[in-house]
């Protein structure tokens, strides 16, 4: 009866290293997926806060931080929806925060340039109303 193959020390070590590397790769992919899901949820929350006008003094700087790096960043509706929501803010807000307004103007220019690379149908989505979705306001109670 032949004896089962027992790996030598070097074979066992390299197999373990390969298994460890695969485990690390899987853990990294899982972490990246969780990070992406968390980022998407955060951007969606920021978009909702902008549309509803909630905590704008805190929300707007966070949104500007995102869209300065990524002009077409999305809160889940369409490419650039965060910038579109900034455009809906009242002028009185920008009047109170001139430093934010300067950043906003630069973001508008960068977003306009970035949108030119999008297909026409995606470009046109940018002008869609933001508050027309059921979760954007109180539930409709009219019969």
C-alpha atoms as a PDB file:
ATOM      1  CA  UNK A   1       0.000   0.000   0.000  1.00  0.00           C
ATOM      2  CA  UNK A   2       1.549   3.326  -1.021  1.00  0.00           C
ATOM      3  CA  UNK A   3       2.132   5.874   1.664  1.00  0.00           C
ATOM      4  CA  UNK A   4       0.185   9.128   1.400  1.00  0.00           C
ATOM      5  CA  UNK A   5       2.213  12.107   0.293  1.00  0.00           C
ATOM      6  CA  UNK A   6       3.213  14.297   3.172  1.00  0.00           C
ATOM      7  CA  UNK A   7       4.328  17.738   2.145  1.00  0.00           C
ATOM      8  CA  UNK A   8       7.838  18.718   2.962  1.00  0.00           C
ATOM      9  CA  UNK A   9       8.382  21.672   5.223  1.00  0.00           C
ATOM     10  CA  UNK A  10       8.895  24.014   2.275  1.00  0.00           C
ATOM     11  CA  UNK A  11       5.743  22.763   0.506  1.00  0.00           C
ATOM     12  CA  UNK A  12       3.695  23.180   3.683  1.00  0.00           C
ATOM     13  CA  UNK A  13       5.014  26.664   4.287  1.00  0.00           C
ATOM     14  CA  UNK A  14       4.403  27.869   0.747  1.00  0.00           C
ATOM     15  CA  UNK A  15       0.898  26.391   0.776  1.00  0.00           C
ATOM     16  CA  UNK A  16       0.182  28.141   4.052  1.00  0.00           C
ATOM     17  CA  UNK A  17       1.544  31.419   2.655  1.00  0.00           C
ATOM     18  CA  UNK A  18      -0.654  31.059  -0.423  1.00  0.00           C
ATOM     19  CA  UNK A  19      -3.681  30.369   1.781  1.00  0.00           C
ATOM     20  CA  UNK A  20      -2.835  33.358   3.979  1.00  0.00           C
ATOM     21  CA  UNK A  21      -2.473  35.585   0.916  1.00  0.00           C
ATOM     22  CA  UNK A  22      -5.840  34.451  -0.435  1.00  0.00           C
ATOM     23  CA  UNK A  23      -7.446  35.080   2.942  1.00  0.00           C
ATOM     24  CA  UNK A  24      -5.920  38.583   3.098  1.00  0.00           C
ATOM     25  CA  UNK A  25      -7.118  39.276  -0.463  1.00  0.00           C
ATOM     26  CA  UNK A  26     -10.642  38.152   0.441  1.00  0.00           C
ATOM     27  CA  UNK A  27     -10.603  40.260   3.595  1.00  0.00           C
ATOM     28  CA  UNK A  28      -9.376  43.275   1.633  1.00  0.00           C
ATOM     29  CA  UNK A  29     -12.127  42.833  -0.979  1.00  0.00           C
ATOM     30  CA  UNK A  30     -14.721  42.541   1.811  1.00  0.00           C
ATOM     31  CA  UNK A  31     -13.380  45.680   3.482  1.00  0.00           C
ATOM     32  CA  UNK A  32     -13.405  47.562   0.174  1.00  0.00           C
ATOM     33  CA  UNK A  33     -17.002  46.487  -0.456  1.00  0.00           C
ATOM     34  CA  UNK A  34     -18.028  47.594   3.046  1.00  0.00           C
ATOM     35  CA  UNK A  35     -16.224  50.913   2.508  1.00  0.00           C
ATOM     36  CA  UNK A  36     -18.015  51.435  -0.817  1.00  0.00           C
ATOM     37  CA  UNK A  37     -21.378  50.595   0.737  1.00  0.00           C
ATOM     38  CA  UNK A  38     -20.695  52.931   3.653  1.00  0.00           C
ATOM     39  CA  UNK A  39     -19.606  55.703   1.260  1.00  0.00           C
ATOM     40  CA  UNK A  40     -22.764  55.243  -0.833  1.00  0.00           C
ATOM     41  CA  UNK A  41     -24.925  55.407   2.286  1.00  0.00           C
ATOM     42  CA  UNK A  42     -23.118  58.521   3.512  1.00  0.00           C
ATOM     43  CA  UNK A  43     -23.471  60.291   0.151  1.00  0.00           C
ATOM     44  CA  UNK A  44     -27.162  59.373   0.041  1.00  0.00           C
ATOM     45  CA  UNK A  45     -27.621  60.812   3.521  1.00  0.00           C
ATOM     46  CA  UNK A  46     -25.794  64.004   2.545  1.00  0.00           C
ATOM     47  CA  UNK A  47     -27.961  64.349  -0.564  1.00  0.00           C
ATOM     48  CA  UNK A  48     -31.105  63.906   1.534  1.00  0.00           C
ATOM     49  CA  UNK A  49     -29.913  66.539   4.004  1.00  0.00           C
ATOM     50  CA  UNK A  50     -29.251  69.019   1.190  1.00  0.00           C
ATOM     51  CA  UNK A  51     -32.626  68.414  -0.452  1.00  0.00           C
ATOM     52  CA  UNK A  52     -34.428  68.815   2.872  1.00  0.00           C
ATOM     53  CA  UNK A  53     -32.300  71.764   4.017  1.00  0.00           C
ATOM     54  CA  UNK A  54     -31.139  69.981   7.163  1.00  0.00           C
ATOM     55  CA  UNK A  55     -28.023  71.139   9.042  1.00  0.00           C
ATOM     56  CA  UNK A  56     -26.708  72.964   5.997  1.00  0.00           C
ATOM     57  CA  UNK A  57     -23.862  74.669   7.858  1.00  0.00           C
ATOM     58  CA  UNK A  58     -22.479  71.201   8.635  1.00  0.00           C
ATOM     59  CA  UNK A  59     -23.614  69.342   5.515  1.00  0.00           C
ATOM     60  CA  UNK A  60     -22.430  71.722   2.792  1.00  0.00           C
ATOM     61  CA  UNK A  61     -18.718  71.661   3.763  1.00  0.00           C
ATOM     62  CA  UNK A  62     -18.804  67.849   3.766  1.00  0.00           C
ATOM     63  CA  UNK A  63     -20.441  67.763   0.347  1.00  0.00           C
ATOM     64  CA  UNK A  64     -17.958  70.304  -1.017  1.00  0.00           C
ATOM     65  CA  UNK A  65     -15.090  68.133   0.271  1.00  0.00           C
ATOM     66  CA  UNK A  66     -16.474  65.229  -1.770  1.00  0.00           C
ATOM     67  CA  UNK A  67     -17.357  67.050  -4.989  1.00  0.00           C
ATOM     68  CA  UNK A  68     -14.099  68.987  -5.086  1.00  0.00           C
ATOM     69  CA  UNK A  69     -12.352  65.624  -5.506  1.00  0.00           C
ATOM     70  CA  UNK A  70     -15.085  64.017  -7.605  1.00  0.00           C
ATOM     71  CA  UNK A  71     -17.331  66.537  -9.411  1.00  0.00           C
ATOM     72  CA  UNK A  72     -19.800  63.858 -10.554  1.00  0.00           C
ATOM     73  CA  UNK A  73     -20.129  62.202  -7.138  1.00  0.00           C
ATOM     74  CA  UNK A  74     -23.620  60.864  -6.583  1.00  0.00           C
ATOM     75  CA  UNK A  75     -25.904  60.434  -3.632  1.00  0.00           C
ATOM     76  CA  UNK A  76     -27.702  57.684  -5.529  1.00  0.00           C
ATOM     77  CA  UNK A  77     -29.864  59.457  -8.094  1.00  0.00           C
ATOM     78  CA  UNK A  78     -27.615  60.419 -11.009  1.00  0.00           C
ATOM     79  CA  UNK A  79     -24.070  61.536 -11.714  1.00  0.00           C
ATOM     80  CA  UNK A  80     -23.550  64.952 -10.154  1.00  0.00           C
ATOM     81  CA  UNK A  81     -26.707  64.968  -8.037  1.00  0.00           C
ATOM     82  CA  UNK A  82     -24.806  66.377  -5.052  1.00  0.00           C
ATOM     83  CA  UNK A  83     -23.778  69.435  -7.082  1.00  0.00           C
ATOM     84  CA  UNK A  84     -27.317  69.729  -8.413  1.00  0.00           C
ATOM     85  CA  UNK A  85     -28.586  69.805  -4.812  1.00  0.00           C
ATOM     86  CA  UNK A  86     -26.068  72.525  -3.948  1.00  0.00           C
ATOM     87  CA  UNK A  87     -27.534  74.590  -6.802  1.00  0.00           C
ATOM     88  CA  UNK A  88     -30.939  74.473  -5.109  1.00  0.00           C
ATOM     89  CA  UNK A  89     -29.709  76.102  -1.898  1.00  0.00           C
ATOM     90  CA  UNK A  90     -31.029  79.613  -1.313  1.00  0.00           C
ATOM     91  CA  UNK A  91     -28.767  82.571  -1.990  1.00  0.00           C
ATOM     92  CA  UNK A  92     -29.126  83.598   1.649  1.00  0.00           C
ATOM     93  CA  UNK A  93     -27.169  80.495   2.664  1.00  0.00           C
ATOM     94  CA  UNK A  94     -24.278  81.360   0.368  1.00  0.00           C
ATOM     95  CA  UNK A  95     -24.412  84.993   1.570  1.00  0.00           C
ATOM     96  CA  UNK A  96     -23.780  83.837   5.140  1.00  0.00           C
ATOM     97  CA  UNK A  97     -20.846  81.621   4.077  1.00  0.00           C
ATOM     98  CA  UNK A  98     -18.772  83.435   1.434  1.00  0.00           C
ATOM     99  CA  UNK A  99     -15.845  81.003   1.809  1.00  0.00           C
ATOM    100  CA  UNK A 100     -18.133  78.101   0.992  1.00  0.00           C
ATOM    101  CA  UNK A 101     -19.586  80.058  -1.917  1.00  0.00           C
ATOM    102  CA  UNK A 102     -16.129  80.463  -3.445  1.00  0.00           C
ATOM    103  CA  UNK A 103     -15.581  76.706  -3.208  1.00  0.00           C
ATOM    104  CA  UNK A 104     -19.072  76.105  -4.645  1.00  0.00           C
ATOM    105  CA  UNK A 105     -18.332  78.262  -7.708  1.00  0.00           C
ATOM    106  CA  UNK A 106     -15.180  76.231  -8.453  1.00  0.00           C
ATOM    107  CA  UNK A 107     -17.162  73.007  -8.041  1.00  0.00           C
ATOM    108  CA  UNK A 108     -19.832  74.231 -10.464  1.00  0.00           C
ATOM    109  CA  UNK A 109     -17.200  74.850 -13.132  1.00  0.00           C
ATOM    110  CA  UNK A 110     -15.547  71.455 -12.584  1.00  0.00           C
ATOM    111  CA  UNK A 111     -18.916  69.708 -12.653  1.00  0.00           C
ATOM    112  CA  UNK A 112     -19.925  71.416 -15.918  1.00  0.00           C
ATOM    113  CA  UNK A 113     -16.687  70.284 -17.558  1.00  0.00           C
ATOM    114  CA  UNK A 114     -17.031  66.730 -16.217  1.00  0.00           C
ATOM    115  CA  UNK A 115     -20.627  66.456 -17.465  1.00  0.00           C
ATOM    116  CA  UNK A 116     -19.554  67.133 -21.036  1.00  0.00           C
ATOM    117  CA  UNK A 117     -17.962  63.671 -21.083  1.00  0.00           C
ATOM    118  CA  UNK A 118     -21.257  61.967 -20.183  1.00  0.00           C
ATOM    119  CA  UNK A 119     -23.699  60.584 -22.748  1.00  0.00           C
ATOM    120  CA  UNK A 120     -26.480  63.081 -23.518  1.00  0.00           C
ATOM    121  CA  UNK A 121     -29.187  61.186 -21.597  1.00  0.00           C
ATOM    122  CA  UNK A 122     -27.034  61.153 -18.457  1.00  0.00           C
ATOM    123  CA  UNK A 123     -26.236  64.845 -18.914  1.00  0.00           C
ATOM    124  CA  UNK A 124     -29.933  65.674 -19.097  1.00  0.00           C
ATOM    125  CA  UNK A 125     -30.656  63.806 -15.843  1.00  0.00           C
ATOM    126  CA  UNK A 126     -28.708  66.525 -14.080  1.00  0.00           C
ATOM    127  CA  UNK A 127     -31.629  68.909 -14.611  1.00  0.00           C
ATOM    128  CA  UNK A 128     -34.273  66.559 -13.191  1.00  0.00           C
ATOM    129  CA  UNK A 129     -36.062  67.711 -10.027  1.00  0.00           C
ATOM    130  CA  UNK A 130     -34.510  66.308  -6.868  1.00  0.00           C
ATOM    131  CA  UNK A 131     -37.563  66.380  -4.598  1.00  0.00           C
ATOM    132  CA  UNK A 132     -39.941  64.355  -6.764  1.00  0.00           C
ATOM    133  CA  UNK A 133     -39.269  60.990  -5.170  1.00  0.00           C
ATOM    134  CA  UNK A 134     -41.629  59.671  -2.468  1.00  0.00           C
ATOM    135  CA  UNK A 135     -38.958  59.447   0.248  1.00  0.00           C
ATOM    136  CA  UNK A 136     -38.063  63.123  -0.142  1.00  0.00           C
ATOM    137  CA  UNK A 137     -40.998  64.512   1.735  1.00  0.00           C
ATOM    138  CA  UNK A 138     -43.811  63.601   4.047  1.00  0.00           C
ATOM    139  CA  UNK A 139     -45.944  60.671   2.971  1.00  0.00           C
ATOM    140  CA  UNK A 140     -48.778  61.560   0.652  1.00  0.00           C
ATOM    141  CA  UNK A 141     -51.942  61.270   2.726  1.00  0.00           C
ATOM    142  CA  UNK A 142     -54.394  62.599   0.148  1.00  0.00           C
ATOM    143  CA  UNK A 143     -56.749  59.973  -1.234  1.00  0.00           C
END
